[in-house]
C-alpha cells in the first residue's frame, strides 16, 4: 500500500488498509469512478450556476476546456 499520511495514527492506517484489502480491487475501482463522476458533476453544476445563460453543451465545453485545455467546436 501507500505510505501512511503523517496526520494519521498507525492504528487507523492499518484499519484503512484492511478495509481496502477486504473490499477488493473491483470495488475500489468502482468507488474511484463514482467519486470522479460526482466531482465532475459538482464542477458542471458550479459552471451552470455561475453562468445560467449557457446551454448544457456550452457548460460541458467549458468544463472540457478547463480540464484538458481543448476548445470544442461550436455547433449550432
PDB file of N, CA and C in Angstrom:
ATOM      1  N   UNK A   1       0.831  -1.188   0.000  1.00  0.00           N
ATOM      2  CA  UNK A   1       0.000   0.000   0.000  1.00  0.00           C
ATOM      3  C   UNK A   1       0.872   1.247   0.000  1.00  0.00           C
ATOM      4  N   UNK A   2       0.234   2.377   0.066  1.00  0.00           N
ATOM      5  CA  UNK A   2       0.957   3.635   0.062  1.00  0.00           C
ATOM      6  C   UNK A   2       1.424   3.996   1.472  1.00  0.00           C
ATOM      7  N   UNK A   3       2.247   5.019   1.549  1.00  0.00           N
ATOM      8  CA  UNK A   3       2.764   5.471   2.839  1.00  0.00           C
ATOM      9  C   UNK A   3       1.656   6.096   3.676  1.00  0.00           C
ATOM     10  N   UNK A   4       1.753   5.901   4.966  1.00  0.00           N
ATOM     11  CA  UNK A   4       0.782   6.475   5.898  1.00  0.00           C
ATOM     12  C   UNK A   4       0.966   7.987   5.959  1.00  0.00           C
ATOM     13  N   UNK A   5      -0.133   8.747   5.818  1.00  0.00           N
ATOM     14  CA  UNK A   5      -0.045  10.200   5.978  1.00  0.00           C
ATOM     15  C   UNK A   5       0.405  10.548   7.393  1.00  0.00           C
ATOM     16  N   UNK A   6       1.162  11.624   7.536  1.00  0.00           N
ATOM     17  CA  UNK A   6       1.708  11.971   8.851  1.00  0.00           C
ATOM     18  C   UNK A   6       0.637  12.352   9.863  1.00  0.00           C
ATOM     19  N   UNK A   7      -0.555  12.737   9.390  1.00  0.00           N
ATOM     20  CA  UNK A   7      -1.620  13.121  10.319  1.00  0.00           C
ATOM     21  C   UNK A   7      -2.569  11.968  10.636  1.00  0.00           C
ATOM     22  N   UNK A   8      -2.157  10.735  10.292  1.00  0.00           N
ATOM     23  CA  UNK A   8      -2.998   9.566  10.521  1.00  0.00           C
ATOM     24  C   UNK A   8      -2.284   8.607  11.476  1.00  0.00           C
ATOM     25  N   UNK A   9      -2.997   8.207  12.517  1.00  0.00           N
ATOM     26  CA  UNK A   9      -2.427   7.285  13.504  1.00  0.00           C
ATOM     27  C   UNK A   9      -2.149   5.929  12.849  1.00  0.00           C
ATOM     28  N   UNK A  10      -1.087   5.255  13.266  1.00  0.00           N
ATOM     29  CA  UNK A  10      -0.773   3.945  12.691  1.00  0.00           C
ATOM     30  C   UNK A  10      -1.931   2.949  12.779  1.00  0.00           C
ATOM     31  N   UNK A  11      -2.645   2.945  13.894  1.00  0.00           N
ATOM     32  CA  UNK A  11      -3.771   2.005  14.046  1.00  0.00           C
ATOM     33  C   UNK A  11      -4.883   2.322  13.041  1.00  0.00           C
ATOM     34  N   UNK A  12      -5.148   3.597  12.850  1.00  0.00           N
ATOM     35  CA  UNK A  12      -6.179   3.997  11.885  1.00  0.00           C
ATOM     36  C   UNK A  12      -5.771   3.612  10.470  1.00  0.00           C
ATOM     37  N   UNK A  13      -4.483   3.811  10.169  1.00  0.00           N
ATOM     38  CA  UNK A  13      -3.996   3.473   8.838  1.00  0.00           C
ATOM     39  C   UNK A  13      -4.091   1.968   8.593  1.00  0.00           C
ATOM     40  N   UNK A  14      -3.797   1.177   9.605  1.00  0.00           N
ATOM     41  CA  UNK A  14      -3.905  -0.275   9.480  1.00  0.00           C
ATOM     42  C   UNK A  14      -5.342  -0.694   9.210  1.00  0.00           C
ATOM     43  N   UNK A  15      -6.285  -0.070   9.909  1.00  0.00           N
ATOM     44  CA  UNK A  15      -7.700  -0.371   9.675  1.00  0.00           C
ATOM     45  C   UNK A  15      -8.105   0.010   8.259  1.00  0.00           C
ATOM     46  N   UNK A  16      -7.651   1.176   7.805  1.00  0.00           N
ATOM     47  CA  UNK A  16      -7.959   1.642   6.450  1.00  0.00           C
ATOM     48  C   UNK A  16      -7.431   0.641   5.412  1.00  0.00           C
ATOM     49  N   UNK A  17      -6.182   0.215   5.564  1.00  0.00           N
ATOM     50  CA  UNK A  17      -5.609  -0.748   4.621  1.00  0.00           C
ATOM     51  C   UNK A  17      -6.352  -2.079   4.656  1.00  0.00           C
ATOM     52  N   UNK A  18      -6.773  -2.506   5.842  1.00  0.00           N
ATOM     53  CA  UNK A  18      -7.513  -3.756   5.962  1.00  0.00           C
ATOM     54  C   UNK A  18      -8.854  -3.662   5.237  1.00  0.00           C
ATOM     55  N   UNK A  19      -9.506  -2.517   5.353  1.00  0.00           N
ATOM     56  CA  UNK A  19     -10.783  -2.317   4.652  1.00  0.00           C
ATOM     57  C   UNK A  19     -10.573  -2.353   3.142  1.00  0.00           C
ATOM     58  N   UNK A  20      -9.539  -1.677   2.675  1.00  0.00           N
ATOM     59  CA  UNK A  20      -9.264  -1.685   1.235  1.00  0.00           C
ATOM     60  C   UNK A  20      -8.982  -3.098   0.736  1.00  0.00           C
ATOM     61  N   UNK A  21      -8.219  -3.854   1.496  1.00  0.00           N
ATOM     62  CA  UNK A  21      -7.942  -5.241   1.118  1.00  0.00           C
ATOM     63  C   UNK A  21      -9.220  -6.068   1.082  1.00  0.00           C
ATOM     64  N   UNK A  22     -10.105  -5.836   2.045  1.00  0.00           N
ATOM     65  CA  UNK A  22     -11.341  -6.613   2.159  1.00  0.00           C
ATOM     66  C   UNK A  22     -12.308  -6.322   1.012  1.00  0.00           C
ATOM     67  N   UNK A  23     -12.408  -5.062   0.593  1.00  0.00           N
ATOM     68  CA  UNK A  23     -13.394  -4.755  -0.457  1.00  0.00           C
ATOM     69  C   UNK A  23     -12.903  -5.145  -1.844  1.00  0.00           C
ATOM     70  N   UNK A  24     -11.605  -5.281  -2.021  1.00  0.00           N
ATOM     71  CA  UNK A  24     -11.077  -5.772  -3.289  1.00  0.00           C
ATOM     72  C   UNK A  24     -10.889  -4.694  -4.338  1.00  0.00           C
ATOM     73  N   UNK A  25     -10.152  -5.072  -5.366  1.00  0.00           N
ATOM     74  CA  UNK A  25      -9.779  -4.129  -6.415  1.00  0.00           C
ATOM     75  C   UNK A  25     -10.965  -3.610  -7.218  1.00  0.00           C
ATOM     76  N   UNK A  26     -11.902  -4.471  -7.555  1.00  0.00           N
ATOM     77  CA  UNK A  26     -13.041  -4.052  -8.375  1.00  0.00           C
ATOM     78  C   UNK A  26     -13.886  -3.018  -7.653  1.00  0.00           C
ATOM     79  N   UNK A  27     -14.172  -3.259  -6.385  1.00  0.00           N
ATOM     80  CA  UNK A  27     -14.968  -2.302  -5.612  1.00  0.00           C
ATOM     81  C   UNK A  27     -14.220  -0.981  -5.450  1.00  0.00           C
ATOM     82  N   UNK A  28     -12.901  -1.049  -5.260  1.00  0.00           N
ATOM     83  CA  UNK A  28     -12.106   0.181  -5.139  1.00  0.00           C
ATOM     84  C   UNK A  28     -12.126   0.965  -6.438  1.00  0.00           C
ATOM     85  N   UNK A  29     -12.006   0.264  -7.563  1.00  0.00           N
ATOM     86  CA  UNK A  29     -12.071   0.932  -8.866  1.00  0.00           C
ATOM     87  C   UNK A  29     -13.437   1.570  -9.069  1.00  0.00           C
ATOM     88  N   UNK A  30     -14.501   0.845  -8.750  1.00  0.00           N
ATOM     89  CA  UNK A  30     -15.851   1.398  -8.897  1.00  0.00           C
ATOM     90  C   UNK A  30     -16.053   2.623  -8.010  1.00  0.00           C
ATOM     91  N   UNK A  31     -15.530   2.586  -6.797  1.00  0.00           N
ATOM     92  CA  UNK A  31     -15.643   3.735  -5.897  1.00  0.00           C
ATOM     93  C   UNK A  31     -14.900   4.935  -6.468  1.00  0.00           C
ATOM     94  N   UNK A  32     -13.725   4.703  -7.035  1.00  0.00           N
ATOM     95  CA  UNK A  32     -12.952   5.797  -7.630  1.00  0.00           C
ATOM     96  C   UNK A  32     -13.677   6.401  -8.823  1.00  0.00           C
ATOM     97  N   UNK A  33     -14.285   5.562  -9.636  1.00  0.00           N
ATOM     98  CA  UNK A  33     -15.040   6.047 -10.802  1.00  0.00           C
ATOM     99  C   UNK A  33     -16.246   6.856 -10.348  1.00  0.00           C
ATOM    100  N   UNK A  34     -16.971   6.349  -9.359  1.00  0.00           N
ATOM    101  CA  UNK A  34     -18.139   7.071  -8.842  1.00  0.00           C
ATOM    102  C   UNK A  34     -17.736   8.423  -8.262  1.00  0.00           C
ATOM    103  N   UNK A  35     -16.640   8.461  -7.528  1.00  0.00           N
ATOM    104  CA  UNK A  35     -16.167   9.718  -6.952  1.00  0.00           C
ATOM    105  C   UNK A  35     -15.775  10.701  -8.056  1.00  0.00           C
ATOM    106  N   UNK A  36     -15.080  10.209  -9.063  1.00  0.00           N
ATOM    107  CA  UNK A  36     -14.678  11.054 -10.184  1.00  0.00           C
ATOM    108  C   UNK A  36     -15.910  11.627 -10.899  1.00  0.00           C
ATOM    109  N   UNK A  37     -16.902  10.777 -11.137  1.00  0.00           N
ATOM    110  CA  UNK A  37     -18.147  11.243 -11.772  1.00  0.00           C
ATOM    111  C   UNK A  37     -18.846  12.289 -10.912  1.00  0.00           C
ATOM    112  N   UNK A  38     -18.869  12.069  -9.603  1.00  0.00           N
ATOM    113  CA  UNK A  38     -19.535  13.008  -8.695  1.00  0.00           C
ATOM    114  C   UNK A  38     -18.823  14.364  -8.696  1.00  0.00           C
ATOM    115  N   UNK A  39     -17.501  14.340  -8.666  1.00  0.00           N
ATOM    116  CA  UNK A  39     -16.744  15.598  -8.687  1.00  0.00           C
ATOM    117  C   UNK A  39     -16.980  16.335 -10.003  1.00  0.00           C
ATOM    118  N   UNK A  40     -16.981  15.606 -11.106  1.00  0.00           N
ATOM    119  CA  UNK A  40     -17.233  16.221 -12.417  1.00  0.00           C
ATOM    120  C   UNK A  40     -18.632  16.855 -12.447  1.00  0.00           C
ATOM    121  N   UNK A  41     -19.616  16.172 -11.881  1.00  0.00           N
ATOM    122  CA  UNK A  41     -20.980  16.717 -11.869  1.00  0.00           C
ATOM    123  C   UNK A  41     -21.063  17.959 -10.991  1.00  0.00           C
ATOM    124  N   UNK A  42     -20.382  17.961  -9.857  1.00  0.00           N
ATOM    125  CA  UNK A  42     -20.360  19.134  -8.984  1.00  0.00           C
ATOM    126  C   UNK A  42     -19.734  20.316  -9.719  1.00  0.00           C
ATOM    127  N   UNK A  43     -18.640  20.055 -10.425  1.00  0.00           N
ATOM    128  CA  UNK A  43     -17.992  21.132 -11.180  1.00  0.00           C
ATOM    129  C   UNK A  43     -18.903  21.651 -12.290  1.00  0.00           C
ATOM    130  N   UNK A  44     -19.592  20.748 -12.993  1.00  0.00           N
ATOM    131  CA  UNK A  44     -20.516  21.164 -14.047  1.00  0.00           C
ATOM    132  C   UNK A  44     -21.661  21.970 -13.457  1.00  0.00           C
ATOM    133  N   UNK A  45     -22.195  21.529 -12.325  1.00  0.00           N
ATOM    134  CA  UNK A  45     -23.260  22.281 -11.651  1.00  0.00           C
ATOM    135  C   UNK A  45     -22.778  23.676 -11.261  1.00  0.00           C
ATOM    136  N   UNK A  46     -21.520  23.772 -10.822  1.00  0.00           N
ATOM    137  CA  UNK A  46     -20.958  25.070 -10.460  1.00  0.00           C
ATOM    138  C   UNK A  46     -20.865  26.002 -11.653  1.00  0.00           C
ATOM    139  N   UNK A  47     -20.403  25.472 -12.778  1.00  0.00           N
ATOM    140  CA  UNK A  47     -20.334  26.275 -14.005  1.00  0.00           C
ATOM    141  C   UNK A  47     -21.721  26.747 -14.400  1.00  0.00           C
ATOM    142  N   UNK A  48     -22.690  25.847 -14.336  1.00  0.00           N
ATOM    143  CA  UNK A  48     -24.056  26.213 -14.740  1.00  0.00           C
ATOM    144  C   UNK A  48     -24.678  27.225 -13.785  1.00  0.00           C
ATOM    145  N   UNK A  49     -24.330  27.148 -12.497  1.00  0.00           N
ATOM    146  CA  UNK A  49     -24.910  28.110 -11.556  1.00  0.00           C
ATOM    147  C   UNK A  49     -24.271  29.493 -11.724  1.00  0.00           C
ATOM    148  N   UNK A  50     -22.993  29.519 -12.070  1.00  0.00           N
ATOM    149  CA  UNK A  50     -22.318  30.803 -12.291  1.00  0.00           C
ATOM    150  C   UNK A  50     -22.648  31.408 -13.646  1.00  0.00           C
ATOM    151  N   UNK A  51     -23.053  30.544 -14.600  1.00  0.00           N
ATOM    152  CA  UNK A  51     -23.340  31.000 -15.968  1.00  0.00           C
ATOM    153  C   UNK A  51     -24.667  30.405 -16.442  1.00  0.00           C
ATOM    154  N   UNK A  52     -25.778  30.867 -15.886  1.00  0.00           N
ATOM    155  CA  UNK A  52     -27.073  30.275 -16.247  1.00  0.00           C
ATOM    156  C   UNK A  52     -27.444  30.495 -17.711  1.00  0.00           C
ATOM    157  N   UNK A  53     -26.761  31.414 -18.369  1.00  0.00           N
ATOM    158  CA  UNK A  53     -27.048  31.679 -19.783  1.00  0.00           C
ATOM    159  C   UNK A  53     -26.501  30.595 -20.706  1.00  0.00           C
ATOM    160  N   UNK A  54     -25.611  29.752 -20.193  1.00  0.00           N
ATOM    161  CA  UNK A  54     -25.014  28.698 -21.020  1.00  0.00           C
ATOM    162  C   UNK A  54     -25.956  27.511 -21.161  1.00  0.00           C
ATOM    163  N   UNK A  55     -25.972  26.943 -22.364  1.00  0.00           N
ATOM    164  CA  UNK A  55     -26.683  25.680 -22.554  1.00  0.00           C
ATOM    165  C   UNK A  55     -25.864  24.582 -21.888  1.00  0.00           C
ATOM    166  N   UNK A  56     -26.455  23.400 -21.761  1.00  0.00           N
ATOM    167  CA  UNK A  56     -25.725  22.278 -21.182  1.00  0.00           C
ATOM    168  C   UNK A  56     -24.476  21.992 -22.003  1.00  0.00           C
ATOM    169  N   UNK A  57     -24.598  22.002 -23.312  1.00  0.00           N
ATOM    170  CA  UNK A  57     -23.447  21.738 -24.179  1.00  0.00           C
ATOM    171  C   UNK A  57     -22.353  22.781 -23.966  1.00  0.00           C
ATOM    172  N   UNK A  58     -22.713  24.022 -23.853  1.00  0.00           N
ATOM    173  CA  UNK A  58     -21.726  25.085 -23.638  1.00  0.00           C
ATOM    174  C   UNK A  58     -21.031  24.927 -22.283  1.00  0.00           C
ATOM    175  N   UNK A  59     -21.805  24.523 -21.270  1.00  0.00           N
ATOM    176  CA  UNK A  59     -21.221  24.306 -19.950  1.00  0.00           C
ATOM    177  C   UNK A  59     -20.254  23.123 -19.980  1.00  0.00           C
ATOM    178  N   UNK A  60     -20.622  22.065 -20.664  1.00  0.00           N
ATOM    179  CA  UNK A  60     -19.732  20.912 -20.793  1.00  0.00           C
ATOM    180  C   UNK A  60     -18.476  21.303 -21.570  1.00  0.00           C
ATOM    181  N   UNK A  61     -18.643  22.103 -22.611  1.00  0.00           N
ATOM    182  CA  UNK A  61     -17.486  22.568 -23.386  1.00  0.00           C
ATOM    183  C   UNK A  61     -16.540  23.369 -22.504  1.00  0.00           C
ATOM    184  N   UNK A  62     -17.075  24.181 -21.621  1.00  0.00           N
ATOM    185  CA  UNK A  62     -16.244  24.958 -20.706  1.00  0.00           C
ATOM    186  C   UNK A  62     -15.505  24.024 -19.743  1.00  0.00           C
ATOM    187  N   UNK A  63     -16.203  23.014 -19.245  1.00  0.00           N
ATOM    188  CA  UNK A  63     -15.576  22.041 -18.358  1.00  0.00           C
ATOM    189  C   UNK A  63     -14.435  21.309 -19.069  1.00  0.00           C
ATOM    190  N   UNK A  64     -14.660  20.897 -20.304  1.00  0.00           N
ATOM    191  CA  UNK A  64     -13.623  20.216 -21.088  1.00  0.00           C
ATOM    192  C   UNK A  64     -12.430  21.147 -21.296  1.00  0.00           C
ATOM    193  N   UNK A  65     -12.719  22.407 -21.604  1.00  0.00           N
ATOM    194  CA  UNK A  65     -11.633  23.375 -21.796  1.00  0.00           C
ATOM    195  C   UNK A  65     -10.821  23.554 -20.517  1.00  0.00           C
ATOM    196  N   UNK A  66     -11.495  23.612 -19.372  1.00  0.00           N
ATOM    197  CA  UNK A  66     -10.788  23.748 -18.096  1.00  0.00           C
ATOM    198  C   UNK A  66      -9.938  22.514 -17.789  1.00  0.00           C
ATOM    199  N   UNK A  67     -10.487  21.332 -18.056  1.00  0.00           N
ATOM    200  CA  UNK A  67      -9.785  20.090 -17.709  1.00  0.00           C
ATOM    201  C   UNK A  67      -8.649  19.759 -18.665  1.00  0.00           C
ATOM    202  N   UNK A  68      -8.890  19.962 -19.952  1.00  0.00           N
ATOM    203  CA  UNK A  68      -7.957  19.467 -20.960  1.00  0.00           C
ATOM    204  C   UNK A  68      -7.331  20.552 -21.825  1.00  0.00           C
ATOM    205  N   UNK A  69      -7.786  21.791 -21.681  1.00  0.00           N
ATOM    206  CA  UNK A  69      -7.249  22.864 -22.500  1.00  0.00           C
ATOM    207  C   UNK A  69      -7.647  22.743 -23.961  1.00  0.00           C
ATOM    208  N   UNK A  70      -8.756  22.070 -24.211  1.00  0.00           N
ATOM    209  CA  UNK A  70      -9.220  21.828 -25.572  1.00  0.00           C
ATOM    210  C   UNK A  70     -10.536  22.564 -25.783  1.00  0.00           C
ATOM    211  N   UNK A  71     -10.577  23.402 -26.780  1.00  0.00           N
ATOM    212  CA  UNK A  71     -11.815  24.085 -27.134  1.00  0.00           C
ATOM    213  C   UNK A  71     -12.623  23.197 -28.074  1.00  0.00           C
ATOM    214  N   UNK A  72     -13.843  22.886 -27.687  1.00  0.00           N
ATOM    215  CA  UNK A  72     -14.712  22.096 -28.570  1.00  0.00           C
ATOM    216  C   UNK A  72     -15.268  22.990 -29.668  1.00  0.00           C
ATOM    217  N   UNK A  73     -15.460  22.446 -30.852  1.00  0.00           N
ATOM    218  CA  UNK A  73     -16.013  23.268 -31.934  1.00  0.00           C
ATOM    219  C   UNK A  73     -17.445  23.695 -31.632  1.00  0.00           C
ATOM    220  N   UNK A  74     -17.769  24.885 -32.060  1.00  0.00           N
ATOM    221  CA  UNK A  74     -19.134  25.410 -31.851  1.00  0.00           C
ATOM    222  C   UNK A  74     -20.072  24.741 -32.835  1.00  0.00           C
ATOM    223  N   UNK A  75     -21.165  24.176 -32.336  1.00  0.00           N
ATOM    224  CA  UNK A  75     -22.157  23.507 -33.176  1.00  0.00           C
ATOM    225  C   UNK A  75     -23.489  24.186 -32.940  1.00  0.00           C
ATOM    226  N   UNK A  76     -24.134  24.578 -33.999  1.00  0.00           N
ATOM    227  CA  UNK A  76     -25.445  25.233 -33.888  1.00  0.00           C
ATOM    228  C   UNK A  76     -26.545  24.212 -33.865  1.00  0.00           C
TER     229      UNK A  76
END
